[in-house]
Amino acid sequence: MIKNYKEFQNMLSEDTPPADWPEALIALWYDAKGNWEAAHDIAQELHTSLGSWAHAYLHRKEGDDFNAGYWYRQAGRPFFDGSLNDEHREMVEFVLKS
């Protein structure tokens, strides 16, 4: 398993994410690779606060703040006011610490 965000970024050169990664990390990998649909498909099946956070982020990225707000509330998190890159990194680091 990777240990930090830099290692996660290095894995973006691969064609597929490692199968032993947590689903949330796989969703974030697909998002970083530009595959919003694949990331969203995974996030919406994660019925956890982390899944809701990832779902919120993806809708914020899509520009759907109303839907994003709903998912932030489901995650028990405030609406993220930083950049999308900052939130993505924060989520990756959160998953790696879990």
N, C-alpha and C. Protein backbone atom coordinates (compact mmCIF):
# COMPACT_ATOMS: atom_id res chain seq x y z
N MET A 1 0.84 -1.19 0.00
CA MET A 1 0.00 0.00 0.00
C MET A 1 0.88 1.24 0.00
N ILE A 2 0.44 2.24 -0.72
CA ILE A 2 1.20 3.48 -0.76
C ILE A 2 1.11 4.19 0.59
N LYS A 3 2.04 5.11 0.81
CA LYS A 3 2.12 5.75 2.12
C LYS A 3 1.80 7.23 2.12
N ASN A 4 1.86 7.88 0.95
CA ASN A 4 1.63 9.33 0.94
C ASN A 4 1.09 9.79 -0.42
N TYR A 5 0.76 11.07 -0.47
CA TYR A 5 0.14 11.64 -1.67
C TYR A 5 1.07 11.58 -2.88
N LYS A 6 2.35 11.76 -2.65
CA LYS A 6 3.33 11.68 -3.75
C LYS A 6 3.31 10.29 -4.39
N GLU A 7 3.26 9.26 -3.57
CA GLU A 7 3.18 7.90 -4.10
C GLU A 7 1.87 7.69 -4.85
N PHE A 8 0.78 8.27 -4.34
CA PHE A 8 -0.50 8.20 -5.05
C PHE A 8 -0.36 8.83 -6.43
N GLN A 9 0.24 10.01 -6.49
CA GLN A 9 0.43 10.69 -7.77
C GLN A 9 1.28 9.85 -8.72
N ASN A 10 2.28 9.18 -8.20
CA ASN A 10 3.12 8.33 -9.04
C ASN A 10 2.32 7.17 -9.65
N MET A 11 1.30 6.72 -8.94
CA MET A 11 0.47 5.62 -9.44
C MET A 11 -0.44 6.05 -10.58
N LEU A 12 -0.55 7.33 -10.83
CA LEU A 12 -1.41 7.82 -11.92
C LEU A 12 -0.85 7.47 -13.29
N SER A 13 0.39 7.06 -13.35
CA SER A 13 0.97 6.64 -14.63
C SER A 13 0.53 5.22 -15.02
N GLU A 14 -0.06 4.51 -14.07
CA GLU A 14 -0.53 3.15 -14.33
C GLU A 14 -1.85 3.18 -15.10
N ASP A 15 -2.17 2.07 -15.77
CA ASP A 15 -3.43 1.97 -16.53
C ASP A 15 -4.62 1.64 -15.66
N THR A 16 -4.39 0.98 -14.54
CA THR A 16 -5.46 0.64 -13.60
C THR A 16 -4.94 0.81 -12.18
N PRO A 17 -5.86 1.10 -11.26
CA PRO A 17 -5.43 1.21 -9.86
C PRO A 17 -5.20 -0.18 -9.26
N PRO A 18 -4.37 -0.27 -8.24
CA PRO A 18 -4.17 -1.57 -7.59
C PRO A 18 -5.48 -2.11 -7.02
N ALA A 19 -5.73 -3.37 -7.23
CA ALA A 19 -6.98 -4.00 -6.80
C ALA A 19 -7.11 -4.05 -5.27
N ASP A 20 -5.97 -3.98 -4.55
CA ASP A 20 -6.04 -4.08 -3.10
C ASP A 20 -6.24 -2.73 -2.41
N TRP A 21 -6.42 -1.68 -3.18
CA TRP A 21 -6.69 -0.37 -2.59
C TRP A 21 -8.13 -0.31 -2.09
N PRO A 22 -8.38 0.53 -1.06
CA PRO A 22 -9.76 0.76 -0.64
C PRO A 22 -10.55 1.42 -1.79
N GLU A 23 -11.83 1.12 -1.84
CA GLU A 23 -12.68 1.65 -2.92
C GLU A 23 -12.62 3.18 -3.01
N ALA A 24 -12.58 3.86 -1.87
CA ALA A 24 -12.53 5.33 -1.89
C ALA A 24 -11.26 5.82 -2.59
N LEU A 25 -10.15 5.16 -2.34
CA LEU A 25 -8.89 5.55 -2.98
C LEU A 25 -8.93 5.27 -4.48
N ILE A 26 -9.57 4.17 -4.85
CA ILE A 26 -9.74 3.86 -6.27
C ILE A 26 -10.59 4.93 -6.95
N ALA A 27 -11.66 5.36 -6.29
CA ALA A 27 -12.50 6.42 -6.85
C ALA A 27 -11.68 7.69 -7.05
N LEU A 28 -10.85 8.04 -6.08
CA LEU A 28 -10.02 9.24 -6.19
C LEU A 28 -8.97 9.09 -7.28
N TRP A 29 -8.48 7.88 -7.48
CA TRP A 29 -7.52 7.61 -8.56
C TRP A 29 -8.20 7.86 -9.91
N TYR A 30 -9.41 7.31 -10.10
CA TYR A 30 -10.12 7.53 -11.36
C TYR A 30 -10.39 9.01 -11.58
N ASP A 31 -10.76 9.71 -10.52
CA ASP A 31 -11.00 11.15 -10.67
C ASP A 31 -9.72 11.85 -11.12
N ALA A 32 -8.61 11.53 -10.50
CA ALA A 32 -7.33 12.16 -10.86
C ALA A 32 -6.92 11.83 -12.29
N LYS A 33 -7.38 10.70 -12.79
CA LYS A 33 -7.09 10.30 -14.18
C LYS A 33 -8.06 10.94 -15.17
N GLY A 34 -9.03 11.69 -14.66
CA GLY A 34 -9.98 12.38 -15.53
C GLY A 34 -11.23 11.58 -15.85
N ASN A 35 -11.45 10.49 -15.11
CA ASN A 35 -12.62 9.66 -15.35
C ASN A 35 -13.64 9.90 -14.24
N TRP A 36 -14.37 11.03 -14.36
CA TRP A 36 -15.36 11.43 -13.36
C TRP A 36 -16.43 10.37 -13.20
N GLU A 37 -16.89 9.80 -14.30
CA GLU A 37 -17.98 8.82 -14.26
C GLU A 37 -17.59 7.59 -13.42
N ALA A 38 -16.42 7.05 -13.67
CA ALA A 38 -15.97 5.88 -12.90
C ALA A 38 -15.84 6.23 -11.42
N ALA A 39 -15.28 7.40 -11.13
CA ALA A 39 -15.14 7.84 -9.74
C ALA A 39 -16.51 7.97 -9.09
N HIS A 40 -17.45 8.57 -9.80
CA HIS A 40 -18.80 8.78 -9.26
C HIS A 40 -19.50 7.44 -9.05
N ASP A 41 -19.37 6.52 -9.99
CA ASP A 41 -19.99 5.20 -9.85
C ASP A 41 -19.54 4.51 -8.57
N ILE A 42 -18.26 4.62 -8.26
CA ILE A 42 -17.73 4.00 -7.04
C ILE A 42 -18.21 4.75 -5.80
N ALA A 43 -18.10 6.08 -5.82
CA ALA A 43 -18.46 6.89 -4.65
C ALA A 43 -19.92 6.70 -4.26
N GLN A 44 -20.80 6.62 -5.24
CA GLN A 44 -22.22 6.52 -4.89
C GLN A 44 -22.58 5.15 -4.31
N GLU A 45 -21.69 4.19 -4.44
CA GLU A 45 -21.92 2.87 -3.84
C GLU A 45 -21.26 2.72 -2.47
N LEU A 46 -20.50 3.74 -2.06
CA LEU A 46 -19.85 3.71 -0.74
C LEU A 46 -20.79 4.37 0.27
N HIS A 47 -21.47 3.59 1.03
CA HIS A 47 -22.46 4.09 1.99
C HIS A 47 -21.81 4.34 3.35
N THR A 48 -20.81 5.23 3.30
CA THR A 48 -20.07 5.63 4.50
C THR A 48 -19.89 7.14 4.44
N SER A 49 -19.42 7.73 5.54
CA SER A 49 -19.19 9.17 5.52
C SER A 49 -18.09 9.53 4.51
N LEU A 50 -17.10 8.66 4.34
CA LEU A 50 -16.05 8.91 3.35
C LEU A 50 -16.64 8.85 1.93
N GLY A 51 -17.51 7.88 1.68
CA GLY A 51 -18.17 7.81 0.39
C GLY A 51 -19.00 9.05 0.11
N SER A 52 -19.68 9.54 1.13
CA SER A 52 -20.48 10.77 0.97
C SER A 52 -19.57 11.97 0.71
N TRP A 53 -18.43 12.02 1.37
CA TRP A 53 -17.49 13.11 1.14
C TRP A 53 -16.97 13.07 -0.30
N ALA A 54 -16.58 11.89 -0.76
CA ALA A 54 -16.11 11.77 -2.13
C ALA A 54 -17.22 12.14 -3.11
N HIS A 55 -18.43 11.73 -2.82
CA HIS A 55 -19.58 12.05 -3.66
C HIS A 55 -19.79 13.57 -3.70
N ALA A 56 -19.67 14.23 -2.54
CA ALA A 56 -19.79 15.68 -2.46
C ALA A 56 -18.73 16.37 -3.31
N TYR A 57 -17.50 15.94 -3.15
CA TYR A 57 -16.39 16.51 -3.92
C TYR A 57 -16.66 16.39 -5.42
N LEU A 58 -17.09 15.22 -5.83
CA LEU A 58 -17.32 15.00 -7.27
C LEU A 58 -18.43 15.89 -7.81
N HIS A 59 -19.48 16.10 -7.02
CA HIS A 59 -20.54 17.00 -7.49
C HIS A 59 -20.08 18.45 -7.46
N ARG A 60 -19.23 18.80 -6.50
CA ARG A 60 -18.67 20.16 -6.49
C ARG A 60 -17.82 20.36 -7.74
N LYS A 61 -17.04 19.35 -8.08
CA LYS A 61 -16.19 19.42 -9.28
C LYS A 61 -17.04 19.57 -10.53
N GLU A 62 -18.18 18.90 -10.53
CA GLU A 62 -19.11 18.96 -11.65
C GLU A 62 -19.79 20.33 -11.75
N GLY A 63 -19.76 21.09 -10.66
CA GLY A 63 -20.41 22.40 -10.64
C GLY A 63 -21.81 22.36 -10.06
N ASP A 64 -22.19 21.22 -9.47
CA ASP A 64 -23.52 21.05 -8.89
C ASP A 64 -23.43 21.27 -7.38
N ASP A 65 -23.36 22.53 -6.97
CA ASP A 65 -23.18 22.86 -5.56
C ASP A 65 -24.37 22.41 -4.70
N PHE A 66 -25.57 22.43 -5.25
CA PHE A 66 -26.74 22.01 -4.49
C PHE A 66 -26.60 20.54 -4.09
N ASN A 67 -26.31 19.69 -5.05
CA ASN A 67 -26.13 18.26 -4.79
C ASN A 67 -24.91 18.03 -3.90
N ALA A 68 -23.85 18.77 -4.17
CA ALA A 68 -22.64 18.65 -3.33
C ALA A 68 -22.98 18.96 -1.88
N GLY A 69 -23.75 20.02 -1.66
CA GLY A 69 -24.14 20.40 -0.30
C GLY A 69 -24.85 19.28 0.43
N TYR A 70 -25.75 18.61 -0.27
CA TYR A 70 -26.45 17.47 0.32
C TYR A 70 -25.46 16.41 0.77
N TRP A 71 -24.51 16.07 -0.09
CA TRP A 71 -23.56 15.01 0.25
C TRP A 71 -22.57 15.43 1.33
N TYR A 72 -22.20 16.71 1.38
CA TYR A 72 -21.36 17.18 2.50
C TYR A 72 -22.12 17.00 3.82
N ARG A 73 -23.42 17.32 3.81
CA ARG A 73 -24.22 17.14 5.03
C ARG A 73 -24.27 15.65 5.41
N GLN A 74 -24.44 14.77 4.44
CA GLN A 74 -24.46 13.33 4.70
C GLN A 74 -23.13 12.87 5.29
N ALA A 75 -22.05 13.50 4.86
CA ALA A 75 -20.71 13.14 5.34
C ALA A 75 -20.41 13.77 6.70
N GLY A 76 -21.27 14.72 7.14
CA GLY A 76 -21.01 15.42 8.39
C GLY A 76 -19.86 16.40 8.27
N ARG A 77 -19.71 16.97 7.08
CA ARG A 77 -18.60 17.90 6.81
C ARG A 77 -19.14 19.21 6.28
N PRO A 78 -18.42 20.30 6.55
CA PRO A 78 -18.82 21.58 5.96
C PRO A 78 -18.49 21.58 4.46
N PHE A 79 -19.18 22.42 3.73
CA PHE A 79 -18.89 22.58 2.30
C PHE A 79 -17.44 23.05 2.18
N PHE A 80 -16.64 22.34 1.44
CA PHE A 80 -15.21 22.64 1.32
C PHE A 80 -15.04 23.96 0.57
N ASP A 81 -14.26 24.88 1.14
CA ASP A 81 -14.10 26.18 0.49
C ASP A 81 -12.74 26.39 -0.14
N GLY A 82 -11.91 25.36 -0.14
CA GLY A 82 -10.61 25.44 -0.80
C GLY A 82 -10.71 24.98 -2.25
N SER A 83 -9.58 24.81 -2.87
CA SER A 83 -9.56 24.38 -4.27
C SER A 83 -9.92 22.89 -4.37
N LEU A 84 -10.32 22.50 -5.56
CA LEU A 84 -10.61 21.08 -5.80
C LEU A 84 -9.35 20.24 -5.58
N ASN A 85 -8.21 20.76 -6.01
CA ASN A 85 -6.95 20.02 -5.81
C ASN A 85 -6.66 19.82 -4.33
N ASP A 86 -6.89 20.88 -3.53
CA ASP A 86 -6.65 20.77 -2.09
C ASP A 86 -7.57 19.73 -1.46
N GLU A 87 -8.84 19.73 -1.88
CA GLU A 87 -9.77 18.76 -1.30
C GLU A 87 -9.41 17.34 -1.72
N HIS A 88 -9.04 17.17 -2.98
CA HIS A 88 -8.64 15.84 -3.45
C HIS A 88 -7.47 15.32 -2.64
N ARG A 89 -6.47 16.16 -2.46
CA ARG A 89 -5.30 15.76 -1.69
C ARG A 89 -5.68 15.42 -0.24
N GLU A 90 -6.55 16.25 0.34
CA GLU A 90 -6.98 16.00 1.73
C GLU A 90 -7.69 14.65 1.84
N MET A 91 -8.51 14.34 0.87
CA MET A 91 -9.21 13.04 0.90
C MET A 91 -8.24 11.88 0.75
N VAL A 92 -7.32 11.99 -0.20
CA VAL A 92 -6.32 10.91 -0.39
C VAL A 92 -5.56 10.71 0.92
N GLU A 93 -5.09 11.78 1.52
CA GLU A 93 -4.33 11.66 2.76
C GLU A 93 -5.18 11.08 3.88
N PHE A 94 -6.46 11.44 3.93
CA PHE A 94 -7.38 10.89 4.92
C PHE A 94 -7.49 9.37 4.77
N VAL A 95 -7.68 8.92 3.54
CA VAL A 95 -7.79 7.47 3.27
C VAL A 95 -6.51 6.76 3.66
N LEU A 96 -5.37 7.36 3.34
CA LEU A 96 -4.09 6.70 3.63
C LEU A 96 -3.83 6.60 5.14
N LYS A 97 -4.40 7.52 5.91
CA LYS A 97 -4.23 7.46 7.38
C LYS A 97 -5.19 6.48 8.02
N SER A 98 -6.26 6.13 7.32
CA SER A 98 -7.30 5.25 7.89
C SER A 98 -6.85 3.81 7.95
